[in-house]
């Protein structure tokens, strides 16, 4: 069994050494443990520092594409490098690397396909009260949408077995954490969680420049993800909120008209308001139906994407933007690979990428 620990990085020259120093090289249940860095367009010495500290694999994105894109690139590379289990952690040393054996234990035992590390947010001292409340609210919303019991849905410390990784496809440009949990619930992936430890804060978050930005972006992400995966519930609830007052106004006008037609003429505004609310309710109901159809189409697209991934693994397609790490540096051009006597010499080989198992 092979475990690959992936770390999305963006200008982490200063933080990466201590993060890598905490990662294990041997874990019970695995024959090989390898490290993978996804460089998200860094402009500092992130890659050089990673190689100096023995990273096995590097995926170098051409520009800064965001955390979700880097996470997805890591999953794709890990699968093509033959990983049976992929662990994702942050480069800022937020998570305690010594908890990785605990994180992968449910997968090794065959009890889960995906495991999320529970930071026990309420105990983290540097999290503000408001941030803790928002985290609890967001996790509750995601649990409702995904039918899972994950208490810390924004935790990026998580493990996937091969089958779960094949099915994950984050489309959000901002965060993958919420969306992949909902996907796992919808795809009936067995999801579990384990308590983990966190390290003291080393720097301010680059995703959230301020608390206000954290609130705004997370609230928008939660609403977007929930609307995307539960369109009928969201839009039909809105239709009900608009429809009930419209019905009440209509009934009021009818009662007034029956009791005294002349008096009812002075309440035409109730009829107009009811008509406006009724039209809004109908529009929201229609959006719910369209959203549900799009949800079904997205599921079909995701299944197609999964099949394409499996075909790529069968064909031995190499990871995109792949470079070897410290353990597999390119051969100098003056040293071509050996070839059989009498056979034509092939072009110098620069990267040896193992083919994935099917």
Foldseek 3Di string as FASTA:
>chain_A
DEEEEEEEDAQLLPQQVVLLVQADQDAPLHPGYAYEYEYQAHPDCVQVSCQVSPHFWYFYDNHRQEDQVSVLLVLLQCQQLAHQKYWYDYSNQFFRNVCVNVQCVCVSVVNFFKEFEDAVVVPDPVQDPVNVVLQQVLQVLLCVLLVDDDRGQQGRGMMGGNVLSLLDDDPDSYGRRSQSSSSCSVVVGGYYYDYGHTDDGDDDDPSAPDPVSVVVVSVVVSVVSSCLRQVQVVLLVVLVVLQVLLVVLVVVLVVCCVVPVVVSVVVVVSNVSSVVSNVSSVVSNVRSVVSVVVSVVVVVVSVVSSVVSVVCLVVSPHRHSMAGGNVWAFDPQVDADDDDPPDDGDHRDGGDRDRYDD
